[in-house]
């Protein structure tokens, strides 16, 4: 039996839809009620593809970047967008560098802090290129 992805929003008012009935394709049993839907089930095909690449690469954003054929910041931004759609972007640590919302951005505009930059690099919040860019002003000023 061919199945389809269920719609996630009402075509009339655009509110989120809920599951009211489940059925067994083998015996025809049906169960009715109000069922929560899986947060991952609400993702579109593009988001699911990015998430699958991320999981297959065991969290390596460079692999996601290569697969999507985009820059590292773009790949990271797309992953953050998926987190937002899943309702998981409330963690400031997940914010992309330069967004002004993560710990790596606390010193933006106030002069870079080498220890903070290196900590962000070690934690994977920023890449080597971003760390070099942020550290470059310090090297010139001797800070």
Foldseek 3Di string as FASTA:
>chain_A
DDDDQDAQADPPPRHGDFDAKDADPPPGDMDGDTDHDDLVSNDDPVLVVLVVQCVVVVNDLVSSCVVVVHDSLVSLVSPLVSCVSSVNNPDLLSDAPPPCRHPCNPCPVVADDLVSLVVCCVVVNDDPVVSCVRCVVCVVVVD
